[in-house]
Every structure is written in C-alpha cells, then in structure tokens.
Amino acid sequence: MVEENDNVILLDEDGAEHEFALIDVLEVDGAEYAVLEPLEDDEEESEAIILKLGKDENDEDILYDIEDDEEWEKVADIWQEKIDAEDEDEDEDADYDDDEK
C-alpha cells in the first residue's frame, strides 16, 4: 500500500529516474489518486502531479496517467479545494495566534 510521505521513483519516456514525495492520496468516485511533488532541486517552484493508483497483475500498486480529461479535471479540482481549505485553516490559526498576543 502506498502511504503518505513515501518517496516514489518514476521513469520518464527516456528511462531517466525522477524521485517524488507522495504528499497525499485522494479518493474520488471510488478510485484513488496519488499527489506527488518532485524532490529534484533544479526547479525553483515545483508543481505537484496527480497519477491514478491501480494494481498490476501481481496485485502490486502501480501509478499511471489519467487519460480522461474530465476525470483529471475533477481530481485536480478536489485537490485544489483541499489546498484552499488548508490555507484558510492556517490563516485562521494565524489570526487566532495574533489575537492571543
């Protein structure tokens, strides 16, 4: 089972390895999706990617691209809503901390 905070190594089309941190697993309409953030330092602002979780013929976890645009949009929207909600919670916590001082 893929767990949050696991590191994942993915191969690109040229066979080069890229390491990602698993930052979240979302469940949408009964399917699971992994949100991954690149661990490479060559980009100042890295963008998370979303891949669908599945099982291979040996019942091992695999990650694959979401090929349906509508499905991808739905998952990306849910991820964005979750980030926005967390940002709002952090802002409220900061306001609460300021009020206590």
N, C-alpha and C. Protein backbone atom coordinates (compact mmCIF):
# COMPACT_ATOMS: atom_id res chain seq x y z
N MET A 1 0.84 -1.19 0.00
CA MET A 1 0.00 0.00 0.00
C MET A 1 0.88 1.24 0.00
N VAL A 2 0.54 2.19 -0.83
CA VAL A 2 1.27 3.44 -0.88
C VAL A 2 0.81 4.31 0.28
N GLU A 3 1.76 4.84 1.03
CA GLU A 3 1.46 5.66 2.19
C GLU A 3 1.97 7.08 1.98
N GLU A 4 1.29 8.06 2.59
CA GLU A 4 1.77 9.43 2.53
C GLU A 4 3.18 9.49 3.09
N ASN A 5 3.95 10.43 2.59
CA ASN A 5 5.34 10.67 2.97
C ASN A 5 6.29 9.61 2.42
N ASP A 6 5.81 8.67 1.61
CA ASP A 6 6.68 7.74 0.91
C ASP A 6 7.34 8.48 -0.24
N ASN A 7 8.53 8.04 -0.61
CA ASN A 7 9.16 8.55 -1.82
C ASN A 7 8.92 7.55 -2.93
N VAL A 8 8.69 8.06 -4.12
CA VAL A 8 8.38 7.24 -5.28
C VAL A 8 9.34 7.62 -6.39
N ILE A 9 9.90 6.62 -7.07
CA ILE A 9 10.76 6.87 -8.22
C ILE A 9 10.00 6.48 -9.47
N LEU A 10 9.88 7.45 -10.38
CA LEU A 10 9.20 7.22 -11.65
C LEU A 10 10.19 7.33 -12.79
N LEU A 11 9.96 6.57 -13.85
CA LEU A 11 10.80 6.63 -15.04
C LEU A 11 10.08 7.46 -16.10
N ASP A 12 10.84 8.37 -16.75
CA ASP A 12 10.25 9.13 -17.84
C ASP A 12 10.38 8.34 -19.13
N GLU A 13 9.92 8.93 -20.24
CA GLU A 13 9.93 8.21 -21.52
C GLU A 13 11.34 7.89 -22.01
N ASP A 14 12.36 8.59 -21.48
CA ASP A 14 13.75 8.31 -21.85
C ASP A 14 14.41 7.31 -20.91
N GLY A 15 13.69 6.84 -19.89
CA GLY A 15 14.23 5.89 -18.94
C GLY A 15 14.95 6.52 -17.77
N ALA A 16 14.93 7.87 -17.70
CA ALA A 16 15.59 8.56 -16.59
C ALA A 16 14.71 8.49 -15.34
N GLU A 17 15.35 8.32 -14.18
CA GLU A 17 14.62 8.23 -12.92
C GLU A 17 14.39 9.62 -12.34
N HIS A 18 13.20 9.81 -11.76
CA HIS A 18 12.84 11.05 -11.09
C HIS A 18 12.20 10.68 -9.76
N GLU A 19 12.66 11.31 -8.68
CA GLU A 19 12.14 10.99 -7.36
C GLU A 19 11.07 12.00 -6.95
N PHE A 20 10.00 11.48 -6.39
CA PHE A 20 8.87 12.30 -5.94
C PHE A 20 8.52 11.93 -4.51
N ALA A 21 7.97 12.89 -3.79
CA ALA A 21 7.41 12.64 -2.47
C ALA A 21 5.90 12.50 -2.64
N LEU A 22 5.34 11.47 -2.04
CA LEU A 22 3.89 11.29 -2.05
C LEU A 22 3.33 12.20 -0.95
N ILE A 23 2.60 13.24 -1.37
CA ILE A 23 2.11 14.20 -0.38
C ILE A 23 0.65 13.98 0.00
N ASP A 24 -0.08 13.23 -0.81
CA ASP A 24 -1.47 12.95 -0.46
C ASP A 24 -2.01 11.85 -1.35
N VAL A 25 -3.02 11.17 -0.84
CA VAL A 25 -3.78 10.20 -1.63
C VAL A 25 -5.24 10.62 -1.52
N LEU A 26 -5.85 10.86 -2.67
CA LEU A 26 -7.25 11.30 -2.73
C LEU A 26 -8.12 10.14 -3.20
N GLU A 27 -9.30 10.03 -2.63
CA GLU A 27 -10.28 9.07 -3.12
C GLU A 27 -11.40 9.86 -3.79
N VAL A 28 -11.62 9.56 -5.05
CA VAL A 28 -12.64 10.24 -5.84
C VAL A 28 -13.43 9.19 -6.60
N ASP A 29 -14.74 9.16 -6.36
CA ASP A 29 -15.63 8.22 -7.05
C ASP A 29 -15.13 6.78 -6.97
N GLY A 30 -14.62 6.39 -5.81
CA GLY A 30 -14.18 5.02 -5.60
C GLY A 30 -12.80 4.68 -6.10
N ALA A 31 -12.12 5.62 -6.75
CA ALA A 31 -10.76 5.39 -7.24
C ALA A 31 -9.79 6.22 -6.39
N GLU A 32 -8.53 5.79 -6.34
CA GLU A 32 -7.52 6.52 -5.57
C GLU A 32 -6.53 7.17 -6.51
N TYR A 33 -6.07 8.36 -6.09
CA TYR A 33 -5.14 9.15 -6.88
C TYR A 33 -4.01 9.63 -5.98
N ALA A 34 -2.78 9.53 -6.47
CA ALA A 34 -1.61 9.96 -5.73
C ALA A 34 -1.21 11.35 -6.17
N VAL A 35 -0.98 12.23 -5.19
CA VAL A 35 -0.47 13.57 -5.47
C VAL A 35 1.01 13.54 -5.12
N LEU A 36 1.85 13.79 -6.12
CA LEU A 36 3.29 13.69 -5.97
C LEU A 36 3.96 15.02 -6.21
N GLU A 37 5.02 15.28 -5.44
CA GLU A 37 5.79 16.51 -5.61
C GLU A 37 7.23 16.12 -5.93
N PRO A 38 7.80 16.71 -6.98
CA PRO A 38 9.19 16.37 -7.34
C PRO A 38 10.15 16.75 -6.22
N LEU A 39 11.15 15.90 -6.01
CA LEU A 39 12.17 16.18 -5.00
C LEU A 39 13.44 16.79 -5.59
N GLU A 40 13.47 16.94 -6.90
CA GLU A 40 14.65 17.49 -7.56
C GLU A 40 14.77 18.97 -7.28
N ASP A 41 16.00 19.42 -7.10
CA ASP A 41 16.26 20.81 -6.72
C ASP A 41 16.44 21.75 -7.90
N ASP A 42 16.41 21.25 -9.13
CA ASP A 42 16.73 22.11 -10.26
C ASP A 42 15.60 23.08 -10.63
N GLU A 43 14.42 22.88 -10.10
CA GLU A 43 13.32 23.81 -10.35
C GLU A 43 13.02 24.58 -9.07
N GLU A 44 12.91 25.90 -9.20
CA GLU A 44 12.61 26.71 -8.01
C GLU A 44 11.23 26.40 -7.47
N GLU A 45 10.26 26.42 -8.35
CA GLU A 45 8.89 26.17 -7.91
C GLU A 45 8.38 24.91 -8.60
N SER A 46 8.35 23.81 -7.86
CA SER A 46 7.92 22.56 -8.45
C SER A 46 6.40 22.45 -8.36
N GLU A 47 5.85 21.80 -9.35
CA GLU A 47 4.40 21.63 -9.41
C GLU A 47 4.06 20.18 -9.14
N ALA A 48 3.08 19.96 -8.30
CA ALA A 48 2.65 18.60 -7.98
C ALA A 48 2.01 17.96 -9.21
N ILE A 49 2.12 16.64 -9.28
CA ILE A 49 1.46 15.89 -10.34
C ILE A 49 0.48 14.92 -9.69
N ILE A 50 -0.53 14.54 -10.45
CA ILE A 50 -1.54 13.61 -9.95
C ILE A 50 -1.56 12.40 -10.87
N LEU A 51 -1.43 11.22 -10.27
CA LEU A 51 -1.48 9.97 -11.01
C LEU A 51 -2.52 9.05 -10.37
N LYS A 52 -3.11 8.20 -11.16
CA LYS A 52 -4.11 7.26 -10.65
C LYS A 52 -3.41 6.03 -10.08
N LEU A 53 -3.91 5.56 -8.94
CA LEU A 53 -3.39 4.35 -8.31
C LEU A 53 -4.15 3.14 -8.83
N GLY A 54 -3.43 2.09 -9.10
CA GLY A 54 -4.06 0.86 -9.53
C GLY A 54 -3.24 -0.33 -9.08
N LYS A 55 -3.58 -1.50 -9.56
CA LYS A 55 -2.87 -2.74 -9.24
C LYS A 55 -2.42 -3.39 -10.54
N ASP A 56 -1.23 -4.00 -10.51
CA ASP A 56 -0.77 -4.75 -11.67
C ASP A 56 -1.20 -6.22 -11.56
N GLU A 57 -0.73 -7.05 -12.47
CA GLU A 57 -1.15 -8.46 -12.47
C GLU A 57 -0.67 -9.23 -11.25
N ASN A 58 0.33 -8.67 -10.53
CA ASN A 58 0.83 -9.30 -9.29
C ASN A 58 0.22 -8.67 -8.05
N ASP A 59 -0.82 -7.87 -8.24
CA ASP A 59 -1.51 -7.17 -7.16
C ASP A 59 -0.61 -6.16 -6.44
N GLU A 60 0.39 -5.64 -7.16
CA GLU A 60 1.29 -4.60 -6.65
C GLU A 60 0.72 -3.24 -7.05
N ASP A 61 0.93 -2.23 -6.19
CA ASP A 61 0.49 -0.88 -6.51
C ASP A 61 1.25 -0.35 -7.72
N ILE A 62 0.51 0.29 -8.62
CA ILE A 62 1.13 0.98 -9.76
C ILE A 62 0.49 2.35 -9.90
N LEU A 63 1.21 3.25 -10.51
CA LEU A 63 0.72 4.60 -10.79
C LEU A 63 0.68 4.78 -12.30
N TYR A 64 -0.39 5.39 -12.79
CA TYR A 64 -0.46 5.65 -14.21
C TYR A 64 -1.18 6.96 -14.49
N ASP A 65 -0.93 7.50 -15.69
CA ASP A 65 -1.52 8.77 -16.09
C ASP A 65 -3.04 8.67 -16.15
N ILE A 66 -3.67 9.80 -15.84
CA ILE A 66 -5.12 9.92 -16.01
C ILE A 66 -5.35 10.39 -17.44
N GLU A 67 -5.93 9.55 -18.25
CA GLU A 67 -6.06 9.87 -19.67
C GLU A 67 -7.35 10.60 -20.00
N ASP A 68 -8.35 10.49 -19.16
CA ASP A 68 -9.63 11.15 -19.40
C ASP A 68 -9.57 12.58 -18.85
N ASP A 69 -9.75 13.57 -19.72
CA ASP A 69 -9.64 14.97 -19.30
C ASP A 69 -10.65 15.34 -18.22
N GLU A 70 -11.86 14.84 -18.34
CA GLU A 70 -12.91 15.14 -17.36
C GLU A 70 -12.55 14.57 -15.98
N GLU A 71 -12.05 13.34 -15.98
CA GLU A 71 -11.62 12.70 -14.73
C GLU A 71 -10.48 13.49 -14.10
N TRP A 72 -9.50 13.89 -14.93
CA TRP A 72 -8.35 14.64 -14.42
C TRP A 72 -8.81 15.97 -13.82
N GLU A 73 -9.68 16.68 -14.51
CA GLU A 73 -10.18 17.97 -14.02
C GLU A 73 -10.89 17.81 -12.67
N LYS A 74 -11.69 16.77 -12.55
CA LYS A 74 -12.43 16.53 -11.31
C LYS A 74 -11.47 16.30 -10.15
N VAL A 75 -10.46 15.46 -10.35
CA VAL A 75 -9.49 15.17 -9.30
C VAL A 75 -8.67 16.42 -8.98
N ALA A 76 -8.23 17.15 -10.00
CA ALA A 76 -7.44 18.37 -9.79
C ALA A 76 -8.26 19.41 -9.02
N ASP A 77 -9.54 19.53 -9.32
CA ASP A 77 -10.40 20.48 -8.61
C ASP A 77 -10.53 20.09 -7.13
N ILE A 78 -10.68 18.81 -6.86
CA ILE A 78 -10.79 18.36 -5.47
C ILE A 78 -9.49 18.62 -4.73
N TRP A 79 -8.35 18.38 -5.38
CA TRP A 79 -7.05 18.66 -4.76
C TRP A 79 -6.92 20.15 -4.46
N GLN A 80 -7.31 21.00 -5.41
CA GLN A 80 -7.22 22.45 -5.21
C GLN A 80 -8.12 22.91 -4.07
N GLU A 81 -9.32 22.35 -3.99
CA GLU A 81 -10.23 22.69 -2.89
C GLU A 81 -9.62 22.31 -1.54
N LYS A 82 -8.95 21.16 -1.50
CA LYS A 82 -8.31 20.71 -0.26
C LYS A 82 -7.17 21.66 0.13
N ILE A 83 -6.37 22.08 -0.83
CA ILE A 83 -5.28 23.02 -0.55
C ILE A 83 -5.86 24.35 -0.06
N ASP A 84 -6.89 24.85 -0.74
CA ASP A 84 -7.51 26.12 -0.35
C ASP A 84 -8.06 26.04 1.07
N ALA A 85 -8.70 24.92 1.42
CA ALA A 85 -9.25 24.75 2.76
C ALA A 85 -8.13 24.72 3.80
N GLU A 86 -7.01 24.06 3.49
CA GLU A 86 -5.88 24.03 4.42
C GLU A 86 -5.28 25.42 4.59
N ASP A 87 -5.19 26.18 3.49
CA ASP A 87 -4.67 27.55 3.56
C ASP A 87 -5.57 28.42 4.44
N GLU A 88 -6.89 28.26 4.30
CA GLU A 88 -7.83 29.01 5.12
C GLU A 88 -7.67 28.66 6.59
N ASP A 89 -7.49 27.36 6.89
CA ASP A 89 -7.28 26.92 8.27
C ASP A 89 -6.01 27.53 8.85
N GLU A 90 -4.94 27.58 8.05
CA GLU A 90 -3.69 28.17 8.52
C GLU A 90 -3.87 29.66 8.78
N ASP A 91 -4.61 30.35 7.90
CA ASP A 91 -4.86 31.78 8.09
C ASP A 91 -5.66 32.01 9.36
N GLU A 92 -6.67 31.17 9.60
CA GLU A 92 -7.47 31.30 10.82
C GLU A 92 -6.63 31.05 12.06
N ASP A 93 -5.75 30.04 12.00
CA ASP A 93 -4.86 29.76 13.12
C ASP A 93 -3.93 30.93 13.38
N ALA A 94 -3.42 31.55 12.33
CA ALA A 94 -2.53 32.71 12.48
C ALA A 94 -3.29 33.87 13.10
N ASP A 95 -4.53 34.09 12.66
CA ASP A 95 -5.34 35.17 13.23
C ASP A 95 -5.61 34.90 14.70
N TYR A 96 -5.88 33.66 15.05
CA TYR A 96 -6.15 33.27 16.44
C TYR A 96 -4.91 33.52 17.29
N ASP A 97 -3.74 33.13 16.77
CA ASP A 97 -2.49 33.35 17.49
C ASP A 97 -2.22 34.83 17.69
N ASP A 98 -2.52 35.66 16.70
CA ASP A 98 -2.33 37.10 16.81
C ASP A 98 -3.25 37.70 17.87
N ASP A 99 -4.49 37.18 17.96
CA ASP A 99 -5.44 37.68 18.94
C ASP A 99 -5.00 37.37 20.37
N GLU A 100 -4.26 36.28 20.55
CA GLU A 100 -3.84 35.90 21.89
C GLU A 100 -2.71 36.75 22.42
N LYS A 101 -1.97 37.40 21.53
CA LYS A 101 -0.79 38.19 21.94
C LYS A 101 -1.17 39.51 22.53
